[in-house]
Amino acid sequence: MTTTKTFKRSKTARLIMMVPAAGMVLAGCGEKPVEVQVFNSPDECAAYYNPPAECEAAFDDAKALHPLVAPRYASRQECETDFGTGQCETAPVLAANNTVPAEQTQQSQQSSGFFMPMMMGFMAGQMLNRSGMAGAPQQQATANRSPVPNQPLYKSRDDRSTFRTATNTAVASQSGTTSIRPSAVQPKPAAMARRGGFGAQAAQRNVSSNGG
């Protein structure tokens, strides 16, 4: 009997290890995971058989949120330490309510004197599930929406394969559908980042995985 139980536990462990690691923020503490989609661009999103209009809408939401949540750095050099040369841009001045004033157009945004990483992808958390598309009733469409808002994603200099939220939460290592805990990826107002924040953590993970 003991041998049988041991075999079952070993089999279960092997099955768990076989689960793909595309989703990095899995369920925990009883929180139910939800499915979201992660992409580099709207075109890539559409290539996954998502309606182009849904993809563009999700991308536009993420792009609008980008200047409000992207981490801030005191200098371009500090920002590029985490994200790489040429991967940072000036951060606009935000209003008291953490919004970009309407008069600040994309061409003439007033600089805050800080820098932020460029948006390297987006998470489509509010995109309708396929079962809720094509003429579904409004009630069903609402029920199919994810509790995760559409949002920008970033990639650190030392970990170019991983999509991360503005709070440095790793969500996926490849484009497509992944499962995440909603509470782990809720956007937060932009904050000053510690120098080497994203990059240092990625480098530490690489050293640990190599036995360092």
N, C-alpha and C. Protein backbone atom coordinates (compact mmCIF):
# COMPACT_ATOMS: atom_id res chain seq x y z
N MET A 1 0.84 -1.21 0.00
CA MET A 1 0.00 0.00 0.00
C MET A 1 0.87 1.26 0.00
N THR A 2 1.93 1.25 0.83
CA THR A 2 2.83 2.42 0.88
C THR A 2 3.49 2.68 -0.46
N THR A 3 3.88 1.59 -1.13
CA THR A 3 4.52 1.72 -2.44
C THR A 3 3.58 2.35 -3.45
N THR A 4 2.30 1.95 -3.39
CA THR A 4 1.29 2.49 -4.31
C THR A 4 1.10 3.98 -4.09
N LYS A 5 1.03 4.40 -2.80
CA LYS A 5 0.85 5.82 -2.50
C LYS A 5 2.05 6.63 -2.96
N THR A 6 3.24 6.07 -2.74
CA THR A 6 4.45 6.77 -3.17
C THR A 6 4.48 6.95 -4.67
N PHE A 7 4.05 5.92 -5.40
CA PHE A 7 4.00 5.99 -6.86
C PHE A 7 3.03 7.06 -7.31
N LYS A 8 1.87 7.15 -6.65
CA LYS A 8 0.87 8.15 -7.03
C LYS A 8 1.40 9.55 -6.79
N ARG A 9 2.09 9.73 -5.65
CA ARG A 9 2.64 11.07 -5.37
C ARG A 9 3.70 11.43 -6.40
N SER A 10 4.55 10.48 -6.76
CA SER A 10 5.59 10.74 -7.74
C SER A 10 5.00 11.06 -9.10
N LYS A 11 3.94 10.35 -9.47
CA LYS A 11 3.28 10.59 -10.75
C LYS A 11 2.68 11.99 -10.78
N THR A 12 2.06 12.39 -9.65
CA THR A 12 1.48 13.73 -9.56
C THR A 12 2.55 14.80 -9.70
N ALA A 13 3.69 14.59 -9.04
CA ALA A 13 4.79 15.55 -9.12
C ALA A 13 5.29 15.69 -10.55
N ARG A 14 5.39 14.58 -11.27
CA ARG A 14 5.86 14.63 -12.66
C ARG A 14 4.88 15.40 -13.52
N LEU A 15 3.59 15.19 -13.28
CA LEU A 15 2.58 15.90 -14.08
C LEU A 15 2.65 17.40 -13.82
N ILE A 16 2.86 17.78 -12.56
CA ILE A 16 2.97 19.21 -12.24
C ILE A 16 4.17 19.82 -12.94
N MET A 17 5.29 19.11 -12.98
CA MET A 17 6.50 19.63 -13.61
C MET A 17 6.35 19.76 -15.11
N MET A 18 5.37 19.03 -15.70
CA MET A 18 5.17 19.08 -17.14
C MET A 18 4.33 20.27 -17.58
N VAL A 19 3.70 20.99 -16.62
CA VAL A 19 2.87 22.14 -16.98
C VAL A 19 3.74 23.23 -17.57
N PRO A 20 3.39 23.82 -18.74
CA PRO A 20 4.20 24.87 -19.35
C PRO A 20 4.37 26.05 -18.42
N ALA A 21 5.51 26.74 -18.53
CA ALA A 21 5.81 27.86 -17.64
C ALA A 21 5.48 29.19 -18.28
N ALA A 22 4.54 29.21 -19.23
CA ALA A 22 4.18 30.47 -19.87
C ALA A 22 3.55 31.41 -18.86
N GLY A 23 2.71 30.89 -17.96
CA GLY A 23 2.09 31.71 -16.93
C GLY A 23 2.95 31.69 -15.69
N MET A 24 3.40 32.88 -15.23
CA MET A 24 4.32 32.94 -14.10
C MET A 24 3.66 33.39 -12.81
N VAL A 25 2.47 33.99 -12.91
CA VAL A 25 1.77 34.47 -11.73
C VAL A 25 0.55 33.59 -11.55
N LEU A 26 0.73 32.41 -10.98
CA LEU A 26 -0.35 31.44 -10.87
C LEU A 26 -1.16 31.65 -9.61
N ALA A 27 -2.23 30.85 -9.48
CA ALA A 27 -3.15 31.01 -8.36
C ALA A 27 -2.48 30.65 -7.05
N GLY A 28 -2.88 31.34 -5.99
CA GLY A 28 -2.37 31.05 -4.68
C GLY A 28 -3.32 31.57 -3.63
N CYS A 29 -3.30 30.99 -2.44
CA CYS A 29 -4.12 31.43 -1.32
C CYS A 29 -5.60 31.43 -1.66
N GLY A 30 -6.02 30.51 -2.49
CA GLY A 30 -7.44 30.38 -2.80
C GLY A 30 -7.95 31.32 -3.88
N GLU A 31 -7.11 32.20 -4.38
CA GLU A 31 -7.55 33.13 -5.43
C GLU A 31 -7.64 32.40 -6.76
N LYS A 32 -8.74 32.57 -7.43
CA LYS A 32 -8.97 31.88 -8.70
C LYS A 32 -8.20 32.58 -9.82
N PRO A 33 -7.39 31.84 -10.59
CA PRO A 33 -6.66 32.46 -11.70
C PRO A 33 -7.59 32.78 -12.86
N VAL A 34 -7.21 33.74 -13.65
CA VAL A 34 -7.99 34.09 -14.84
C VAL A 34 -7.08 34.03 -16.05
N GLU A 35 -7.66 33.85 -17.21
CA GLU A 35 -6.89 33.82 -18.44
C GLU A 35 -6.83 35.22 -19.05
N VAL A 36 -5.63 35.61 -19.45
CA VAL A 36 -5.42 36.86 -20.17
C VAL A 36 -4.56 36.55 -21.37
N GLN A 37 -4.37 37.52 -22.23
CA GLN A 37 -3.54 37.33 -23.41
C GLN A 37 -2.43 38.38 -23.44
N VAL A 38 -1.25 37.94 -23.80
CA VAL A 38 -0.06 38.79 -23.80
C VAL A 38 0.53 38.84 -25.20
N PHE A 39 0.81 40.05 -25.68
CA PHE A 39 1.31 40.22 -27.04
C PHE A 39 2.35 41.34 -27.12
N ASN A 40 3.16 41.27 -28.16
CA ASN A 40 4.12 42.33 -28.45
C ASN A 40 3.45 43.51 -29.15
N SER A 41 2.44 43.24 -29.98
CA SER A 41 1.82 44.28 -30.79
C SER A 41 0.39 43.90 -31.14
N PRO A 42 -0.43 44.86 -31.61
CA PRO A 42 -1.79 44.56 -32.04
C PRO A 42 -1.82 43.58 -33.21
N ASP A 43 -0.84 43.68 -34.11
CA ASP A 43 -0.80 42.76 -35.25
C ASP A 43 -0.57 41.32 -34.79
N GLU A 44 0.30 41.16 -33.81
CA GLU A 44 0.53 39.81 -33.28
C GLU A 44 -0.72 39.30 -32.60
N CYS A 45 -1.41 40.17 -31.91
CA CYS A 45 -2.68 39.82 -31.26
C CYS A 45 -3.69 39.32 -32.29
N ALA A 46 -3.81 40.05 -33.41
CA ALA A 46 -4.76 39.67 -34.46
C ALA A 46 -4.38 38.34 -35.10
N ALA A 47 -3.08 38.04 -35.13
CA ALA A 47 -2.61 36.79 -35.72
C ALA A 47 -3.04 35.58 -34.89
N TYR A 48 -3.41 35.82 -33.63
CA TYR A 48 -3.89 34.74 -32.77
C TYR A 48 -5.40 34.56 -32.91
N TYR A 49 -5.96 35.03 -34.01
CA TYR A 49 -7.38 34.90 -34.33
C TYR A 49 -8.27 35.71 -33.40
N ASN A 50 -7.74 36.79 -32.88
CA ASN A 50 -8.55 37.73 -32.13
C ASN A 50 -9.06 38.80 -33.09
N PRO A 51 -10.25 39.32 -32.88
CA PRO A 51 -10.74 40.40 -33.74
C PRO A 51 -9.79 41.59 -33.72
N PRO A 52 -9.37 42.09 -34.87
CA PRO A 52 -8.44 43.23 -34.92
C PRO A 52 -8.93 44.42 -34.09
N ALA A 53 -10.23 44.69 -34.12
CA ALA A 53 -10.76 45.83 -33.38
C ALA A 53 -10.55 45.64 -31.88
N GLU A 54 -10.74 44.42 -31.39
CA GLU A 54 -10.52 44.13 -29.97
C GLU A 54 -9.05 44.31 -29.62
N CYS A 55 -8.18 43.87 -30.53
CA CYS A 55 -6.74 43.99 -30.30
C CYS A 55 -6.32 45.46 -30.23
N GLU A 56 -6.81 46.25 -31.16
CA GLU A 56 -6.46 47.67 -31.19
C GLU A 56 -6.98 48.38 -29.94
N ALA A 57 -8.20 48.02 -29.51
CA ALA A 57 -8.78 48.64 -28.32
C ALA A 57 -7.96 48.30 -27.08
N ALA A 58 -7.55 47.04 -26.96
CA ALA A 58 -6.75 46.62 -25.81
C ALA A 58 -5.40 47.32 -25.82
N PHE A 59 -4.79 47.44 -27.00
CA PHE A 59 -3.50 48.11 -27.13
C PHE A 59 -3.63 49.59 -26.78
N ASP A 60 -4.68 50.24 -27.25
CA ASP A 60 -4.89 51.66 -26.96
C ASP A 60 -5.07 51.89 -25.45
N ASP A 61 -5.79 50.98 -24.78
CA ASP A 61 -5.96 51.08 -23.32
C ASP A 61 -4.60 51.01 -22.64
N ALA A 62 -3.79 50.05 -23.06
CA ALA A 62 -2.47 49.86 -22.46
C ALA A 62 -1.57 51.07 -22.72
N LYS A 63 -1.63 51.58 -23.95
CA LYS A 63 -0.80 52.73 -24.31
C LYS A 63 -1.18 53.96 -23.50
N ALA A 64 -2.47 54.14 -23.25
CA ALA A 64 -2.93 55.28 -22.46
C ALA A 64 -2.52 55.15 -21.00
N LEU A 65 -2.45 53.91 -20.51
CA LEU A 65 -2.08 53.68 -19.12
C LEU A 65 -0.56 53.76 -18.91
N HIS A 66 0.17 53.52 -19.98
CA HIS A 66 1.64 53.47 -19.92
C HIS A 66 2.28 54.65 -19.18
N PRO A 67 2.01 55.91 -19.55
CA PRO A 67 2.67 57.02 -18.85
C PRO A 67 2.21 57.19 -17.41
N LEU A 68 1.12 56.55 -17.04
CA LEU A 68 0.58 56.69 -15.68
C LEU A 68 1.16 55.66 -14.71
N VAL A 69 1.66 54.55 -15.24
CA VAL A 69 2.13 53.47 -14.36
C VAL A 69 3.59 53.10 -14.54
N ALA A 70 4.20 53.46 -15.66
CA ALA A 70 5.60 53.08 -15.92
C ALA A 70 6.51 53.60 -14.82
N PRO A 71 7.47 52.80 -14.35
CA PRO A 71 8.37 53.26 -13.29
C PRO A 71 9.19 54.46 -13.73
N ARG A 72 9.46 55.37 -12.80
CA ARG A 72 10.21 56.59 -13.09
C ARG A 72 11.65 56.46 -12.61
N TYR A 73 12.55 57.04 -13.41
CA TYR A 73 13.97 57.06 -13.06
C TYR A 73 14.47 58.50 -13.09
N ALA A 74 15.45 58.79 -12.22
CA ALA A 74 15.97 60.15 -12.12
C ALA A 74 16.79 60.55 -13.34
N SER A 75 17.32 59.58 -14.09
CA SER A 75 18.12 59.89 -15.27
C SER A 75 17.92 58.81 -16.33
N ARG A 76 18.24 59.17 -17.57
CA ARG A 76 18.13 58.19 -18.65
C ARG A 76 19.09 57.02 -18.41
N GLN A 77 20.28 57.34 -17.89
CA GLN A 77 21.28 56.31 -17.64
C GLN A 77 20.76 55.26 -16.65
N GLU A 78 20.11 55.71 -15.58
CA GLU A 78 19.57 54.78 -14.60
C GLU A 78 18.48 53.91 -15.22
N CYS A 79 17.65 54.51 -16.05
CA CYS A 79 16.59 53.77 -16.72
C CYS A 79 17.17 52.73 -17.67
N GLU A 80 18.18 53.14 -18.44
CA GLU A 80 18.77 52.21 -19.41
C GLU A 80 19.58 51.11 -18.72
N THR A 81 19.98 51.32 -17.48
CA THR A 81 20.64 50.26 -16.73
C THR A 81 19.70 49.07 -16.56
N ASP A 82 18.42 49.36 -16.40
CA ASP A 82 17.42 48.31 -16.23
C ASP A 82 16.85 47.81 -17.55
N PHE A 83 16.74 48.68 -18.55
CA PHE A 83 16.00 48.31 -19.76
C PHE A 83 16.80 48.30 -21.05
N GLY A 84 18.03 48.77 -21.02
CA GLY A 84 18.86 48.72 -22.21
C GLY A 84 18.98 50.05 -22.92
N THR A 85 20.05 50.22 -23.67
CA THR A 85 20.30 51.45 -24.42
C THR A 85 19.21 51.69 -25.44
N GLY A 86 18.67 52.91 -25.44
CA GLY A 86 17.64 53.28 -26.40
C GLY A 86 16.25 52.77 -26.06
N GLN A 87 16.08 52.17 -24.87
CA GLN A 87 14.79 51.60 -24.48
C GLN A 87 14.05 52.45 -23.45
N CYS A 88 14.46 53.71 -23.31
CA CYS A 88 13.81 54.60 -22.35
C CYS A 88 13.40 55.91 -23.02
N GLU A 89 12.43 56.57 -22.44
CA GLU A 89 11.91 57.83 -22.98
C GLU A 89 11.60 58.78 -21.83
N THR A 90 11.46 60.07 -22.16
CA THR A 90 11.14 61.04 -21.13
C THR A 90 9.73 60.81 -20.62
N ALA A 91 9.55 61.01 -19.33
CA ALA A 91 8.24 60.82 -18.71
C ALA A 91 7.51 62.16 -18.68
N PRO A 92 6.23 62.17 -19.03
CA PRO A 92 5.49 63.43 -19.02
C PRO A 92 5.12 63.88 -17.62
N VAL A 93 4.78 65.14 -17.48
CA VAL A 93 4.31 65.67 -16.21
C VAL A 93 2.90 65.15 -15.97
N LEU A 94 2.65 64.65 -14.79
CA LEU A 94 1.33 64.15 -14.46
C LEU A 94 0.60 65.15 -13.59
N ALA A 95 -0.72 65.18 -13.74
CA ALA A 95 -1.55 66.06 -12.93
C ALA A 95 -1.64 65.49 -11.51
N ALA A 96 -2.25 66.24 -10.61
CA ALA A 96 -2.36 65.82 -9.21
C ALA A 96 -3.14 64.52 -9.07
N ASN A 97 -4.06 64.28 -10.00
CA ASN A 97 -4.87 63.05 -9.94
C ASN A 97 -4.24 61.92 -10.75
N ASN A 98 -2.93 62.03 -11.03
CA ASN A 98 -2.17 61.00 -11.75
C ASN A 98 -2.71 60.73 -13.14
N THR A 99 -2.98 61.80 -13.87
CA THR A 99 -3.40 61.69 -15.26
C THR A 99 -2.51 62.62 -16.09
N VAL A 100 -2.46 62.36 -17.38
CA VAL A 100 -1.74 63.26 -18.29
C VAL A 100 -2.73 64.33 -18.73
N PRO A 101 -2.46 65.60 -18.44
CA PRO A 101 -3.39 66.66 -18.82
C PRO A 101 -3.74 66.61 -20.30
N ALA A 102 -4.99 66.88 -20.61
CA ALA A 102 -5.48 66.78 -21.98
C ALA A 102 -4.72 67.67 -22.94
N GLU A 103 -4.25 68.83 -22.45
CA GLU A 103 -3.55 69.76 -23.34
C GLU A 103 -2.16 69.26 -23.72
N GLN A 104 -1.66 68.24 -23.04
CA GLN A 104 -0.35 67.70 -23.39
C GLN A 104 -0.52 66.66 -24.49
N THR A 105 -0.32 67.08 -25.72
CA THR A 105 -0.42 66.16 -26.84
C THR A 105 0.81 65.27 -26.90
N GLN A 106 0.73 64.21 -27.66
CA GLN A 106 1.85 63.29 -27.77
C GLN A 106 3.07 63.97 -28.35
N GLN A 107 2.84 64.99 -29.18
CA GLN A 107 3.96 65.67 -29.82
C GLN A 107 4.59 66.73 -28.91
N SER A 108 3.82 67.26 -27.95
CA SER A 108 4.34 68.36 -27.14
C SER A 108 4.11 68.15 -25.65
N GLN A 109 4.34 66.94 -25.18
CA GLN A 109 4.19 66.68 -23.76
C GLN A 109 5.29 67.38 -22.98
N GLN A 110 4.90 68.00 -21.88
CA GLN A 110 5.88 68.66 -21.02
C GLN A 110 6.66 67.60 -20.26
N SER A 111 7.96 67.68 -20.25
CA SER A 111 8.79 66.69 -19.57
C SER A 111 8.81 66.92 -18.08
N SER A 112 8.76 65.84 -17.33
CA SER A 112 8.79 65.92 -15.87
C SER A 112 10.23 65.95 -15.36
N GLY A 113 11.19 65.70 -16.26
CA GLY A 113 12.57 65.61 -15.83
C GLY A 113 12.97 64.19 -15.47
N PHE A 114 12.01 63.27 -15.53
CA PHE A 114 12.27 61.87 -15.23
C PHE A 114 12.20 61.04 -16.52
N PHE A 115 12.60 59.80 -16.41
CA PHE A 115 12.59 58.90 -17.56
C PHE A 115 11.86 57.61 -17.20
N MET A 116 11.30 56.95 -18.23
CA MET A 116 10.57 55.71 -18.02
C MET A 116 10.87 54.75 -19.17
N PRO A 117 10.72 53.45 -18.95
CA PRO A 117 10.98 52.48 -20.01
C PRO A 117 9.92 52.58 -21.10
N MET A 118 10.29 52.22 -22.31
CA MET A 118 9.32 52.16 -23.39
C MET A 118 8.44 50.92 -23.22
N MET A 119 7.22 51.04 -23.68
CA MET A 119 6.28 49.92 -23.63
C MET A 119 6.72 48.86 -24.64
N MET A 120 6.88 47.63 -24.18
CA MET A 120 7.39 46.55 -25.03
C MET A 120 6.35 45.48 -25.35
N GLY A 121 5.14 45.69 -24.91
CA GLY A 121 4.06 44.73 -25.17
C GLY A 121 2.84 45.14 -24.39
N PHE A 122 1.80 44.33 -24.43
CA PHE A 122 0.60 44.66 -23.66
C PHE A 122 -0.15 43.41 -23.25
N MET A 123 -0.90 43.55 -22.16
CA MET A 123 -1.73 42.48 -21.66
C MET A 123 -3.19 42.80 -21.97
N ALA A 124 -3.85 41.89 -22.67
CA ALA A 124 -5.26 42.06 -22.99
C ALA A 124 -6.06 41.30 -21.94
N GLY A 125 -6.35 41.98 -20.85
CA GLY A 125 -7.11 41.33 -19.79
C GLY A 125 -8.60 41.53 -19.93
N GLN A 126 -9.01 42.59 -20.63
CA GLN A 126 -10.44 42.88 -20.77
C GLN A 126 -11.00 42.43 -22.11
N MET A 127 -10.22 41.69 -22.88
CA MET A 127 -10.71 41.19 -24.15
C MET A 127 -11.75 40.09 -23.91
N LEU A 128 -12.83 40.11 -24.66
CA LEU A 128 -13.87 39.10 -24.48
C LEU A 128 -13.35 37.72 -24.82
N ASN A 129 -13.79 36.73 -24.05
CA ASN A 129 -13.50 35.35 -24.40
C ASN A 129 -14.17 35.02 -25.71
N ARG A 130 -13.63 34.05 -26.45
CA ARG A 130 -14.20 33.71 -27.75
C ARG A 130 -15.66 33.30 -27.63
N SER A 131 -16.03 32.70 -26.49
CA SER A 131 -17.42 32.28 -26.31
C SER A 131 -18.35 33.46 -26.15
N GLY A 132 -17.79 34.64 -25.84
CA GLY A 132 -18.63 35.81 -25.64
C GLY A 132 -18.66 36.72 -26.84
N MET A 133 -18.06 36.34 -27.96
CA MET A 133 -18.01 37.18 -29.15
C MET A 133 -19.17 36.87 -30.10
N ALA A 134 -19.17 37.60 -31.17
CA ALA A 134 -20.10 37.35 -32.28
C ALA A 134 -21.56 37.36 -31.84
N GLY A 135 -22.01 38.55 -31.41
CA GLY A 135 -23.43 38.71 -31.17
C GLY A 135 -23.92 38.19 -29.84
N ALA A 136 -23.05 37.96 -28.88
CA ALA A 136 -23.48 37.47 -27.58
C ALA A 136 -24.24 38.57 -26.86
N PRO A 137 -25.22 38.22 -26.02
CA PRO A 137 -25.96 39.22 -25.26
C PRO A 137 -25.03 40.02 -24.37
N GLN A 138 -25.40 41.27 -24.06
CA GLN A 138 -24.55 42.15 -23.27
C GLN A 138 -24.25 41.54 -21.90
N GLN A 139 -25.25 40.88 -21.30
CA GLN A 139 -25.05 40.29 -19.99
C GLN A 139 -23.96 39.22 -20.03
N GLN A 140 -23.97 38.40 -21.07
CA GLN A 140 -22.95 37.37 -21.21
C GLN A 140 -21.60 37.99 -21.48
N ALA A 141 -21.58 39.04 -22.30
CA ALA A 141 -20.32 39.70 -22.62
C ALA A 141 -19.68 40.27 -21.37
N THR A 142 -20.51 40.88 -20.51
CA THR A 142 -19.99 41.45 -19.27
C THR A 142 -19.43 40.37 -18.36
N ALA A 143 -20.14 39.24 -18.30
CA ALA A 143 -19.72 38.13 -17.45
C ALA A 143 -18.40 37.54 -17.91
N ASN A 144 -18.12 37.66 -19.21
CA ASN A 144 -16.91 37.06 -19.76
C ASN A 144 -15.68 37.96 -19.63
N ARG A 145 -15.88 39.15 -19.10
CA ARG A 145 -14.75 40.06 -18.98
C ARG A 145 -13.87 39.68 -17.79
N SER A 146 -12.57 39.88 -17.98
CA SER A 146 -11.59 39.54 -16.95
C SER A 146 -11.50 40.66 -15.92
N PRO A 147 -11.19 40.32 -14.65
CA PRO A 147 -10.99 41.35 -13.63
C PRO A 147 -9.63 42.03 -13.74
N VAL A 148 -8.89 41.71 -14.80
CA VAL A 148 -7.57 42.31 -15.01
C VAL A 148 -7.66 43.37 -16.11
N PRO A 149 -7.30 44.61 -15.83
CA PRO A 149 -7.36 45.65 -16.86
C PRO A 149 -6.31 45.47 -17.95
N ASN A 150 -6.62 45.95 -19.14
CA ASN A 150 -5.61 46.00 -20.20
C ASN A 150 -4.48 46.90 -19.71
N GLN A 151 -3.24 46.51 -19.95
CA GLN A 151 -2.13 47.29 -19.41
C GLN A 151 -0.84 47.07 -20.18
N PRO A 152 0.10 48.02 -20.06
CA PRO A 152 1.39 47.91 -20.77
C PRO A 152 2.27 46.87 -20.10
N LEU A 153 3.18 46.31 -20.89
CA LEU A 153 4.15 45.36 -20.38
C LEU A 153 5.55 45.80 -20.79
N TYR A 154 6.55 45.36 -20.04
CA TYR A 154 7.92 45.78 -20.25
C TYR A 154 8.86 44.57 -20.24
N LYS A 155 10.08 44.76 -20.72
CA LYS A 155 11.09 43.70 -20.70
C LYS A 155 12.40 44.29 -20.21
N SER A 156 12.97 43.67 -19.20
CA SER A 156 14.21 44.20 -18.62
C SER A 156 15.41 43.87 -19.50
N ARG A 157 16.47 44.60 -19.31
CA ARG A 157 17.68 44.41 -20.11
C ARG A 157 18.25 43.00 -19.94
N ASP A 158 18.19 42.46 -18.73
CA ASP A 158 18.80 41.17 -18.45
C ASP A 158 17.86 39.98 -18.61
N ASP A 159 16.63 40.26 -19.05
CA ASP A 159 15.66 39.17 -19.20
C ASP A 159 14.71 39.55 -20.32
N ARG A 160 15.21 39.54 -21.56
CA ARG A 160 14.44 40.05 -22.69
C ARG A 160 13.29 39.14 -23.11
N SER A 161 13.22 37.95 -22.57
CA SER A 161 12.17 37.02 -23.00
C SER A 161 10.93 37.09 -22.12
N THR A 162 10.98 37.83 -21.02
CA THR A 162 9.87 37.84 -20.08
C THR A 162 9.09 39.13 -20.11
N PHE A 163 7.78 39.01 -20.25
CA PHE A 163 6.89 40.17 -20.16
C PHE A 163 6.66 40.49 -18.68
N ARG A 164 6.77 41.78 -18.32
CA ARG A 164 6.58 42.21 -16.95
C ARG A 164 5.62 43.39 -16.86
N THR A 165 4.91 43.47 -15.76
CA THR A 165 4.05 44.63 -15.53
C THR A 165 4.92 45.79 -15.07
N ALA A 166 4.32 46.97 -14.91
CA ALA A 166 5.06 48.14 -14.46
C ALA A 166 5.59 47.97 -13.04
N THR A 167 5.00 47.04 -12.28
CA THR A 167 5.48 46.79 -10.92
C THR A 167 6.49 45.65 -10.88
N ASN A 168 7.00 45.25 -12.05
CA ASN A 168 8.04 44.23 -12.16
C ASN A 168 7.54 42.83 -11.83
N THR A 169 6.27 42.57 -12.09
CA THR A 169 5.72 41.22 -11.91
C THR A 169 5.81 40.47 -13.23
N ALA A 170 6.52 39.35 -13.24
CA ALA A 170 6.65 38.54 -14.45
C ALA A 170 5.33 37.84 -14.73
N VAL A 171 4.84 37.95 -15.97
CA VAL A 171 3.54 37.35 -16.28
C VAL A 171 3.60 36.26 -17.34
N ALA A 172 4.59 36.31 -18.24
CA ALA A 172 4.66 35.28 -19.29
C ALA A 172 6.01 35.33 -19.98
N SER A 173 6.42 34.19 -20.51
CA SER A 173 7.69 34.11 -21.23
C SER A 173 7.48 34.01 -22.73
N GLN A 174 6.22 34.09 -23.17
CA GLN A 174 5.92 34.03 -24.60
C GLN A 174 4.55 34.65 -24.85
N SER A 175 4.30 34.99 -26.10
CA SER A 175 3.01 35.58 -26.46
C SER A 175 1.91 34.52 -26.41
N GLY A 176 0.67 35.01 -26.23
CA GLY A 176 -0.46 34.09 -26.22
C GLY A 176 -1.22 34.15 -24.91
N THR A 177 -1.99 33.12 -24.64
CA THR A 177 -2.82 33.05 -23.44
C THR A 177 -2.04 32.52 -22.25
N THR A 178 -2.27 33.12 -21.09
CA THR A 178 -1.62 32.66 -19.87
C THR A 178 -2.58 32.86 -18.70
N SER A 179 -2.33 32.22 -17.59
CA SER A 179 -3.17 32.33 -16.39
C SER A 179 -2.43 33.11 -15.32
N ILE A 180 -3.14 34.02 -14.67
CA ILE A 180 -2.52 34.86 -13.65
C ILE A 180 -3.48 35.09 -12.49
N ARG A 181 -2.93 35.53 -11.37
CA ARG A 181 -3.73 35.96 -10.23
C ARG A 181 -4.06 37.44 -10.42
N PRO A 182 -5.32 37.82 -10.47
CA PRO A 182 -5.69 39.22 -10.69
C PRO A 182 -5.04 40.19 -9.71
N SER A 183 -4.96 39.81 -8.44
CA SER A 183 -4.42 40.73 -7.43
C SER A 183 -2.95 41.04 -7.65
N ALA A 184 -2.24 40.17 -8.36
CA ALA A 184 -0.80 40.36 -8.56
C ALA A 184 -0.47 41.32 -9.69
N VAL A 185 -1.46 41.64 -10.52
CA VAL A 185 -1.15 42.46 -11.70
C VAL A 185 -2.05 43.69 -11.82
N GLN A 186 -2.60 44.15 -10.71
CA GLN A 186 -3.41 45.37 -10.76
C GLN A 186 -2.48 46.57 -10.90
N PRO A 187 -2.73 47.44 -11.88
CA PRO A 187 -1.86 48.61 -12.10
C PRO A 187 -1.82 49.54 -10.88
N LYS A 188 -0.67 50.15 -10.66
CA LYS A 188 -0.51 51.11 -9.57
C LYS A 188 0.09 52.39 -10.14
N PRO A 189 -0.16 53.53 -9.48
CA PRO A 189 0.39 54.80 -9.97
C PRO A 189 1.91 54.73 -10.10
N ALA A 190 2.44 55.47 -11.07
CA ALA A 190 3.88 55.48 -11.32
C ALA A 190 4.64 55.86 -10.06
N ALA A 191 5.75 55.16 -9.84
CA ALA A 191 6.57 55.43 -8.66
C ALA A 191 8.04 55.46 -9.06
N MET A 192 8.84 56.14 -8.25
CA MET A 192 10.27 56.18 -8.51
C MET A 192 10.87 54.79 -8.29
N ALA A 193 11.68 54.36 -9.22
CA ALA A 193 12.28 53.03 -9.15
C ALA A 193 13.68 53.11 -8.56
N ARG A 194 14.05 52.08 -7.83
CA ARG A 194 15.40 51.99 -7.30
C ARG A 194 16.33 51.62 -8.44
N ARG A 195 17.47 52.25 -8.53
CA ARG A 195 18.40 51.99 -9.61
C ARG A 195 18.78 50.51 -9.64
N GLY A 196 18.67 49.91 -10.79
CA GLY A 196 18.99 48.49 -10.92
C GLY A 196 17.86 47.58 -10.47
N GLY A 197 16.68 48.11 -10.27
CA GLY A 197 15.55 47.34 -9.79
C GLY A 197 15.17 46.17 -10.67
N PHE A 198 14.72 46.45 -11.88
CA PHE A 198 14.33 45.39 -12.80
C PHE A 198 15.54 44.53 -13.18
N GLY A 199 16.60 45.16 -13.61
CA GLY A 199 17.77 44.42 -14.07
C GLY A 199 18.44 43.59 -12.99
N ALA A 200 18.54 44.16 -11.79
CA ALA A 200 19.23 43.45 -10.71
C ALA A 200 18.48 42.19 -10.33
N GLN A 201 17.15 42.27 -10.27
CA GLN A 201 16.35 41.10 -9.91
C GLN A 201 16.46 40.02 -10.97
N ALA A 202 16.46 40.43 -12.25
CA ALA A 202 16.58 39.45 -13.33
C ALA A 202 17.94 38.79 -13.29
N ALA A 203 18.99 39.58 -13.02
CA ALA A 203 20.34 39.03 -12.96
C ALA A 203 20.47 38.06 -11.80
N GLN A 204 19.83 38.39 -10.67
CA GLN A 204 19.89 37.52 -9.50
C GLN A 204 19.24 36.17 -9.80
N ARG A 205 18.13 36.21 -10.52
CA ARG A 205 17.45 34.96 -10.89
C ARG A 205 18.34 34.12 -11.79
N ASN A 206 19.03 34.78 -12.73
CA ASN A 206 19.90 34.05 -13.65
C ASN A 206 21.05 33.37 -12.89
N VAL A 207 21.61 34.07 -11.91
CA VAL A 207 22.70 33.50 -11.12
C VAL A 207 22.21 32.32 -10.32
N SER A 208 21.01 32.45 -9.72
CA SER A 208 20.45 31.38 -8.91
C SER A 208 20.17 30.14 -9.74
N SER A 209 19.65 30.34 -10.95
CA SER A 209 19.31 29.21 -11.82
C SER A 209 20.55 28.50 -12.30
N ASN A 210 21.70 29.21 -12.31
CA ASN A 210 22.96 28.60 -12.73
C ASN A 210 23.76 28.04 -11.57
N GLY A 211 23.15 28.07 -10.40
CA GLY A 211 23.82 27.51 -9.23
C GLY A 211 24.78 28.45 -8.57
N GLY A 212 24.66 29.79 -8.88
CA GLY A 212 25.57 30.75 -8.27
C GLY A 212 25.11 31.20 -6.90
